[in-house]
Amino acid sequence: MSRRTVYSFKSTQIMDRFMEEIMNERNIDRTSVIKLGLYLLVCYNERDKTKKLGLAEMVSDIESLATPRIPTYGEFGDS
């Protein structure tokens, strides 16, 4: 049997807003949203272009994909 790890972190109001929005739009639960987010980051990280990026470069690259309604990573994670 595999052992499962529990992750816990404090979210911001912005994270909560996007979490609820995605859950409602996609009709999926919170755990699925987080798993999909991590899976997307794993896929992103496997690309040759992104494997060598440092954290600041990676954040900048991901922010370049955001639409105007998406806050910066700093606002998203620290507000």
PDB file of N, CA and C in Angstrom:
ATOM      1  N   MET A   1       0.831  -1.191   0.000  1.00  0.00           N
ATOM      2  CA  MET A   1       0.000   0.000   0.000  1.00  0.00           C
ATOM      3  C   MET A   1       0.871   1.248   0.000  1.00  0.00           C
ATOM      4  N   SER A   2       0.509   2.207  -0.788  1.00  0.00           N
ATOM      5  CA  SER A   2       1.282   3.452  -0.827  1.00  0.00           C
ATOM      6  C   SER A   2       0.862   4.380   0.316  1.00  0.00           C
ATOM      7  N   ARG A   3       1.827   5.073   0.823  1.00  0.00           N
ATOM      8  CA  ARG A   3       1.585   6.037   1.892  1.00  0.00           C
ATOM      9  C   ARG A   3       1.306   7.397   1.270  1.00  0.00           C
ATOM     10  N   ARG A   4       0.292   8.074   1.699  1.00  0.00           N
ATOM     11  CA  ARG A   4      -0.070   9.399   1.185  1.00  0.00           C
ATOM     12  C   ARG A   4       0.482  10.471   2.098  1.00  0.00           C
ATOM     13  N   THR A   5       0.950  11.563   1.521  1.00  0.00           N
ATOM     14  CA  THR A   5       1.439  12.708   2.264  1.00  0.00           C
ATOM     15  C   THR A   5       0.360  13.778   2.281  1.00  0.00           C
ATOM     16  N   VAL A   6       0.256  14.466   3.385  1.00  0.00           N
ATOM     17  CA  VAL A   6      -0.708  15.560   3.505  1.00  0.00           C
ATOM     18  C   VAL A   6       0.053  16.871   3.373  1.00  0.00           C
ATOM     19  N   TYR A   7      -0.416  17.755   2.507  1.00  0.00           N
ATOM     20  CA  TYR A   7       0.161  19.082   2.338  1.00  0.00           C
ATOM     21  C   TYR A   7      -0.806  20.102   2.919  1.00  0.00           C
ATOM     22  N   SER A   8      -0.249  21.100   3.548  1.00  0.00           N
ATOM     23  CA  SER A   8      -1.076  22.145   4.124  1.00  0.00           C
ATOM     24  C   SER A   8      -0.381  23.484   3.936  1.00  0.00           C
ATOM     25  N   PHE A   9      -1.138  24.500   3.560  1.00  0.00           N
ATOM     26  CA  PHE A   9      -0.591  25.849   3.447  1.00  0.00           C
ATOM     27  C   PHE A   9      -1.717  26.849   3.610  1.00  0.00           C
ATOM     28  N   LYS A  10      -1.342  28.052   3.950  1.00  0.00           N
ATOM     29  CA  LYS A  10      -2.338  29.119   4.080  1.00  0.00           C
ATOM     30  C   LYS A  10      -2.515  29.781   2.724  1.00  0.00           C
ATOM     31  N   SER A  11      -3.755  29.965   2.348  1.00  0.00           N
ATOM     32  CA  SER A  11      -4.032  30.610   1.065  1.00  0.00           C
ATOM     33  C   SER A  11      -4.420  32.066   1.285  1.00  0.00           C
ATOM     34  N   THR A  12      -4.335  32.823   0.225  1.00  0.00           N
ATOM     35  CA  THR A  12      -4.728  34.231   0.249  1.00  0.00           C
ATOM     36  C   THR A  12      -6.168  34.348  -0.239  1.00  0.00           C
ATOM     37  N   GLN A  13      -6.757  35.523  -0.061  1.00  0.00           N
ATOM     38  CA  GLN A  13      -8.119  35.749  -0.565  1.00  0.00           C
ATOM     39  C   GLN A  13      -8.168  35.603  -2.081  1.00  0.00           C
ATOM     40  N   ILE A  14      -7.101  36.026  -2.754  1.00  0.00           N
ATOM     41  CA  ILE A  14      -7.062  35.900  -4.218  1.00  0.00           C
ATOM     42  C   ILE A  14      -7.048  34.426  -4.610  1.00  0.00           C
ATOM     43  N   MET A  15      -6.220  33.619  -3.925  1.00  0.00           N
ATOM     44  CA  MET A  15      -6.194  32.179  -4.202  1.00  0.00           C
ATOM     45  C   MET A  15      -7.580  31.575  -3.989  1.00  0.00           C
ATOM     46  N   ASP A  16      -8.213  31.949  -2.875  1.00  0.00           N
ATOM     47  CA  ASP A  16      -9.548  31.430  -2.573  1.00  0.00           C
ATOM     48  C   ASP A  16     -10.538  31.786  -3.674  1.00  0.00           C
ATOM     49  N   ARG A  17     -10.468  33.012  -4.167  1.00  0.00           N
ATOM     50  CA  ARG A  17     -11.388  33.451  -5.215  1.00  0.00           C
ATOM     51  C   ARG A  17     -11.207  32.608  -6.483  1.00  0.00           C
ATOM     52  N   PHE A  18      -9.950  32.408  -6.888  1.00  0.00           N
ATOM     53  CA  PHE A  18      -9.696  31.611  -8.086  1.00  0.00           C
ATOM     54  C   PHE A  18     -10.028  30.141  -7.859  1.00  0.00           C
ATOM     55  N   MET A  19      -9.759  29.630  -6.667  1.00  0.00           N
ATOM     56  CA  MET A  19     -10.091  28.244  -6.343  1.00  0.00           C
ATOM     57  C   MET A  19     -11.590  28.014  -6.501  1.00  0.00           C
ATOM     58  N   GLU A  20     -12.385  28.881  -5.893  1.00  0.00           N
ATOM     59  CA  GLU A  20     -13.842  28.746  -5.975  1.00  0.00           C
ATOM     60  C   GLU A  20     -14.336  28.883  -7.414  1.00  0.00           C
ATOM     61  N   GLU A  21     -13.744  29.812  -8.143  1.00  0.00           N
ATOM     62  CA  GLU A  21     -14.135  30.027  -9.536  1.00  0.00           C
ATOM     63  C   GLU A  21     -13.884  28.772 -10.367  1.00  0.00           C
ATOM     64  N   ILE A  22     -12.704  28.191 -10.221  1.00  0.00           N
ATOM     65  CA  ILE A  22     -12.362  26.993 -10.998  1.00  0.00           C
ATOM     66  C   ILE A  22     -13.234  25.818 -10.579  1.00  0.00           C
ATOM     67  N   MET A  23     -13.424  25.650  -9.272  1.00  0.00           N
ATOM     68  CA  MET A  23     -14.265  24.556  -8.783  1.00  0.00           C
ATOM     69  C   MET A  23     -15.669  24.640  -9.361  1.00  0.00           C
ATOM     70  N   ASN A  24     -16.232  25.847  -9.371  1.00  0.00           N
ATOM     71  CA  ASN A  24     -17.591  26.037  -9.890  1.00  0.00           C
ATOM     72  C   ASN A  24     -17.666  25.877 -11.404  1.00  0.00           C
ATOM     73  N   GLU A  25     -16.692  26.464 -12.120  1.00  0.00           N
ATOM     74  CA  GLU A  25     -16.703  26.377 -13.583  1.00  0.00           C
ATOM     75  C   GLU A  25     -16.511  24.948 -14.073  1.00  0.00           C
ATOM     76  N   ARG A  26     -15.627  24.210 -13.411  1.00  0.00           N
ATOM     77  CA  ARG A  26     -15.268  22.857 -13.854  1.00  0.00           C
ATOM     78  C   ARG A  26     -16.007  21.748 -13.126  1.00  0.00           C
ATOM     79  N   ASN A  27     -16.737  22.139 -12.081  1.00  0.00           N
ATOM     80  CA  ASN A  27     -17.455  21.161 -11.260  1.00  0.00           C
ATOM     81  C   ASN A  27     -16.506  20.090 -10.713  1.00  0.00           C
ATOM     82  N   ILE A  28     -15.415  20.548 -10.127  1.00  0.00           N
ATOM     83  CA  ILE A  28     -14.437  19.646  -9.518  1.00  0.00           C
ATOM     84  C   ILE A  28     -14.142  20.119  -8.092  1.00  0.00           C
ATOM     85  N   ASP A  29     -13.571  19.232  -7.301  1.00  0.00           N
ATOM     86  CA  ASP A  29     -13.293  19.571  -5.908  1.00  0.00           C
ATOM     87  C   ASP A  29     -11.928  20.249  -5.760  1.00  0.00           C
ATOM     88  N   ARG A  30     -11.683  20.758  -4.575  1.00  0.00           N
ATOM     89  CA  ARG A  30     -10.463  21.506  -4.255  1.00  0.00           C
ATOM     90  C   ARG A  30      -9.199  20.654  -4.492  1.00  0.00           C
ATOM     91  N   THR A  31      -9.245  19.404  -4.064  1.00  0.00           N
ATOM     92  CA  THR A  31      -8.090  18.524  -4.244  1.00  0.00           C
ATOM     93  C   THR A  31      -7.756  18.356  -5.719  1.00  0.00           C
ATOM     94  N   SER A  32      -8.764  18.211  -6.550  1.00  0.00           N
ATOM     95  CA  SER A  32      -8.530  18.066  -7.994  1.00  0.00           C
ATOM     96  C   SER A  32      -7.903  19.316  -8.590  1.00  0.00           C
ATOM     97  N   VAL A  33      -8.346  20.484  -8.129  1.00  0.00           N
ATOM     98  CA  VAL A  33      -7.758  21.738  -8.618  1.00  0.00           C
ATOM     99  C   VAL A  33      -6.270  21.780  -8.272  1.00  0.00           C
ATOM    100  N   ILE A  34      -5.931  21.444  -7.037  1.00  0.00           N
ATOM    101  CA  ILE A  34      -4.528  21.474  -6.611  1.00  0.00           C
ATOM    102  C   ILE A  34      -3.712  20.431  -7.359  1.00  0.00           C
ATOM    103  N   LYS A  35      -4.247  19.222  -7.522  1.00  0.00           N
ATOM    104  CA  LYS A  35      -3.532  18.184  -8.270  1.00  0.00           C
ATOM    105  C   LYS A  35      -3.291  18.600  -9.716  1.00  0.00           C
ATOM    106  N   LEU A  36      -4.308  19.206 -10.337  1.00  0.00           N
ATOM    107  CA  LEU A  36      -4.147  19.676 -11.715  1.00  0.00           C
ATOM    108  C   LEU A  36      -3.098  20.777 -11.806  1.00  0.00           C
ATOM    109  N   GLY A  37      -3.095  21.683 -10.825  1.00  0.00           N
ATOM    110  CA  GLY A  37      -2.096  22.747 -10.805  1.00  0.00           C
ATOM    111  C   GLY A  37      -0.685  22.201 -10.693  1.00  0.00           C
ATOM    112  N   LEU A  38      -0.486  21.219  -9.824  1.00  0.00           N
ATOM    113  CA  LEU A  38       0.833  20.620  -9.677  1.00  0.00           C
ATOM    114  C   LEU A  38       1.217  19.834 -10.925  1.00  0.00           C
ATOM    115  N   TYR A  39       0.259  19.117 -11.500  1.00  0.00           N
ATOM    116  CA  TYR A  39       0.525  18.369 -12.727  1.00  0.00           C
ATOM    117  C   TYR A  39       0.952  19.311 -13.852  1.00  0.00           C
ATOM    118  N   LEU A  40       0.267  20.433 -13.959  1.00  0.00           N
ATOM    119  CA  LEU A  40       0.630  21.431 -14.971  1.00  0.00           C
ATOM    120  C   LEU A  40       2.050  21.943 -14.749  1.00  0.00           C
ATOM    121  N   LEU A  41       2.423  22.198 -13.497  1.00  0.00           N
ATOM    122  CA  LEU A  41       3.779  22.661 -13.194  1.00  0.00           C
ATOM    123  C   LEU A  41       4.812  21.586 -13.515  1.00  0.00           C
ATOM    124  N   VAL A  42       4.496  20.326 -13.241  1.00  0.00           N
ATOM    125  CA  VAL A  42       5.405  19.229 -13.592  1.00  0.00           C
ATOM    126  C   VAL A  42       5.613  19.185 -15.105  1.00  0.00           C
ATOM    127  N   CYS A  43       4.521  19.286 -15.867  1.00  0.00           N
ATOM    128  CA  CYS A  43       4.625  19.293 -17.330  1.00  0.00           C
ATOM    129  C   CYS A  43       5.431  20.482 -17.817  1.00  0.00           C
ATOM    130  N   TYR A  44       5.179  21.649 -17.258  1.00  0.00           N
ATOM    131  CA  TYR A  44       5.908  22.870 -17.605  1.00  0.00           C
ATOM    132  C   TYR A  44       7.399  22.691 -17.324  1.00  0.00           C
ATOM    133  N   ASN A  45       7.712  22.131 -16.167  1.00  0.00           N
ATOM    134  CA  ASN A  45       9.092  21.985 -15.722  1.00  0.00           C
ATOM    135  C   ASN A  45       9.883  20.978 -16.552  1.00  0.00           C
ATOM    136  N   GLU A  46       9.223  20.083 -17.240  1.00  0.00           N
ATOM    137  CA  GLU A  46       9.895  19.061 -18.048  1.00  0.00           C
ATOM    138  C   GLU A  46      10.341  19.568 -19.424  1.00  0.00           C
ATOM    139  N   ARG A  47       9.864  20.719 -19.817  1.00  0.00           N
ATOM    140  CA  ARG A  47      10.249  21.261 -21.120  1.00  0.00           C
ATOM    141  C   ARG A  47      11.701  21.704 -21.087  1.00  0.00           C
ATOM    142  N   ASP A  48      12.429  21.453 -22.154  1.00  0.00           N
ATOM    143  CA  ASP A  48      13.845  21.839 -22.214  1.00  0.00           C
ATOM    144  C   ASP A  48      14.039  23.323 -21.931  1.00  0.00           C
ATOM    145  N   LYS A  49      13.125  24.138 -22.449  1.00  0.00           N
ATOM    146  CA  LYS A  49      13.231  25.591 -22.290  1.00  0.00           C
ATOM    147  C   LYS A  49      13.144  26.008 -20.822  1.00  0.00           C
ATOM    148  N   THR A  50      12.401  25.270 -20.035  1.00  0.00           N
ATOM    149  CA  THR A  50      12.144  25.698 -18.660  1.00  0.00           C
ATOM    150  C   THR A  50      12.955  24.946 -17.603  1.00  0.00           C
ATOM    151  N   LYS A  51      13.578  23.847 -17.963  1.00  0.00           N
ATOM    152  CA  LYS A  51      14.330  23.033 -16.993  1.00  0.00           C
ATOM    153  C   LYS A  51      15.405  23.821 -16.268  1.00  0.00           C
ATOM    154  N   LYS A  52      16.033  24.751 -16.958  1.00  0.00           N
ATOM    155  CA  LYS A  52      17.176  25.460 -16.393  1.00  0.00           C
ATOM    156  C   LYS A  52      16.821  26.808 -15.774  1.00  0.00           C
ATOM    157  N   LEU A  53      15.548  27.171 -15.776  1.00  0.00           N
ATOM    158  CA  LEU A  53      15.156  28.467 -15.237  1.00  0.00           C
ATOM    159  C   LEU A  53      15.242  28.478 -13.712  1.00  0.00           C
ATOM    160  N   GLY A  54      15.734  29.579 -13.163  1.00  0.00           N
ATOM    161  CA  GLY A  54      15.677  29.787 -11.729  1.00  0.00           C
ATOM    162  C   GLY A  54      14.262  30.205 -11.347  1.00  0.00           C
ATOM    163  N   LEU A  55      14.013  30.334 -10.057  1.00  0.00           N
ATOM    164  CA  LEU A  55      12.655  30.656  -9.596  1.00  0.00           C
ATOM    165  C   LEU A  55      12.150  31.979 -10.167  1.00  0.00           C
ATOM    166  N   ALA A  56      12.962  33.028 -10.101  1.00  0.00           N
ATOM    167  CA  ALA A  56      12.518  34.338 -10.603  1.00  0.00           C
ATOM    168  C   ALA A  56      12.229  34.281 -12.099  1.00  0.00           C
ATOM    169  N   GLU A  57      13.061  33.567 -12.848  1.00  0.00           N
ATOM    170  CA  GLU A  57      12.844  33.438 -14.289  1.00  0.00           C
ATOM    171  C   GLU A  57      11.581  32.626 -14.582  1.00  0.00           C
ATOM    172  N   MET A  58      11.366  31.586 -13.790  1.00  0.00           N
ATOM    173  CA  MET A  58      10.183  30.762 -13.975  1.00  0.00           C
ATOM    174  C   MET A  58       8.915  31.566 -13.681  1.00  0.00           C
ATOM    175  N   VAL A  59       8.924  32.322 -12.606  1.00  0.00           N
ATOM    176  CA  VAL A  59       7.769  33.161 -12.265  1.00  0.00           C
ATOM    177  C   VAL A  59       7.500  34.155 -13.390  1.00  0.00           C
ATOM    178  N   SER A  60       8.550  34.786 -13.881  1.00  0.00           N
ATOM    179  CA  SER A  60       8.399  35.755 -14.965  1.00  0.00           C
ATOM    180  C   SER A  60       7.822  35.093 -16.217  1.00  0.00           C
ATOM    181  N   ASP A  61       8.297  33.914 -16.542  1.00  0.00           N
ATOM    182  CA  ASP A  61       7.804  33.208 -17.722  1.00  0.00           C
ATOM    183  C   ASP A  61       6.334  32.840 -17.554  1.00  0.00           C
ATOM    184  N   ILE A  62       5.965  32.356 -16.390  1.00  0.00           N
ATOM    185  CA  ILE A  62       4.563  31.993 -16.145  1.00  0.00           C
ATOM    186  C   ILE A  62       3.680  33.238 -16.149  1.00  0.00           C
ATOM    187  N   GLU A  63       4.150  34.320 -15.542  1.00  0.00           N
ATOM    188  CA  GLU A  63       3.380  35.567 -15.549  1.00  0.00           C
ATOM    189  C   GLU A  63       3.141  36.075 -16.966  1.00  0.00           C
ATOM    190  N   SER A  64       4.061  35.791 -17.883  1.00  0.00           N
ATOM    191  CA  SER A  64       3.885  36.239 -19.268  1.00  0.00           C
ATOM    192  C   SER A  64       2.709  35.531 -19.944  1.00  0.00           C
ATOM    193  N   LEU A  65       2.256  34.421 -19.380  1.00  0.00           N
ATOM    194  CA  LEU A  65       1.119  33.678 -19.930  1.00  0.00           C
ATOM    195  C   LEU A  65      -0.221  34.198 -19.417  1.00  0.00           C
ATOM    196  N   ALA A  66      -0.188  35.012 -18.371  1.00  0.00           N
ATOM    197  CA  ALA A  66      -1.405  35.456 -17.699  1.00  0.00           C
ATOM    198  C   ALA A  66      -2.196  36.455 -18.540  1.00  0.00           C
ATOM    199  N   THR A  67      -3.503  36.365 -18.409  1.00  0.00           N
ATOM    200  CA  THR A  67      -4.381  37.359 -19.015  1.00  0.00           C
ATOM    201  C   THR A  67      -4.422  38.577 -18.094  1.00  0.00           C
ATOM    202  N   PRO A  68      -4.943  39.700 -18.564  1.00  0.00           N
ATOM    203  CA  PRO A  68      -4.955  40.913 -17.728  1.00  0.00           C
ATOM    204  C   PRO A  68      -5.683  40.772 -16.393  1.00  0.00           C
ATOM    205  N   ARG A  69      -6.649  39.885 -16.278  1.00  0.00           N
ATOM    206  CA  ARG A  69      -7.376  39.754 -15.011  1.00  0.00           C
ATOM    207  C   ARG A  69      -6.630  38.938 -13.953  1.00  0.00           C
ATOM    208  N   ILE A  70      -5.535  38.314 -14.341  1.00  0.00           N
ATOM    209  CA  ILE A  70      -4.757  37.500 -13.409  1.00  0.00           C
ATOM    210  C   ILE A  70      -3.711  38.382 -12.729  1.00  0.00           C
ATOM    211  N   PRO A  71      -3.671  38.370 -11.392  1.00  0.00           N
ATOM    212  CA  PRO A  71      -2.680  39.191 -10.684  1.00  0.00           C
ATOM    213  C   PRO A  71      -1.278  38.621 -10.847  1.00  0.00           C
ATOM    214  N   THR A  72      -0.295  39.398 -10.452  1.00  0.00           N
ATOM    215  CA  THR A  72       1.078  38.884 -10.476  1.00  0.00           C
ATOM    216  C   THR A  72       1.194  37.733  -9.478  1.00  0.00           C
ATOM    217  N   TYR A  73       2.243  36.959  -9.608  1.00  0.00           N
ATOM    218  CA  TYR A  73       2.461  35.845  -8.674  1.00  0.00           C
ATOM    219  C   TYR A  73       2.607  36.366  -7.248  1.00  0.00           C
ATOM    220  N   GLY A  74       3.290  37.482  -7.083  1.00  0.00           N
ATOM    221  CA  GLY A  74       3.453  38.075  -5.754  1.00  0.00           C
ATOM    222  C   GLY A  74       2.116  38.454  -5.132  1.00  0.00           C
ATOM    223  N   GLU A  75       1.255  39.069  -5.913  1.00  0.00           N
ATOM    224  CA  GLU A  75      -0.080  39.436  -5.420  1.00  0.00           C
ATOM    225  C   GLU A  75      -0.900  38.185  -5.126  1.00  0.00           C
ATOM    226  N   PHE A  76      -0.788  37.204  -5.979  1.00  0.00           N
ATOM    227  CA  PHE A  76      -1.537  35.961  -5.849  1.00  0.00           C
ATOM    228  C   PHE A  76      -1.148  35.214  -4.563  1.00  0.00           C
ATOM    229  N   GLY A  77       0.131  35.145  -4.301  1.00  0.00           N
ATOM    230  CA  GLY A  77       0.610  34.350  -3.178  1.00  0.00           C
ATOM    231  C   GLY A  77       0.785  35.070  -1.866  1.00  0.00           C
ATOM    232  N   ASP A  78       0.880  36.391  -1.907  1.00  0.00           N
ATOM    233  CA  ASP A  78       1.213  37.122  -0.689  1.00  0.00           C
ATOM    234  C   ASP A  78       0.168  38.124  -0.238  1.00  0.00           C
ATOM    235  N   SER A  79      -0.887  38.319  -1.010  1.00  0.00           N
ATOM    236  CA  SER A  79      -1.887  39.331  -0.648  1.00  0.00           C
ATOM    237  C   SER A  79      -2.804  38.853   0.451  1.00  0.00           C
TER     238      SER A  79
END
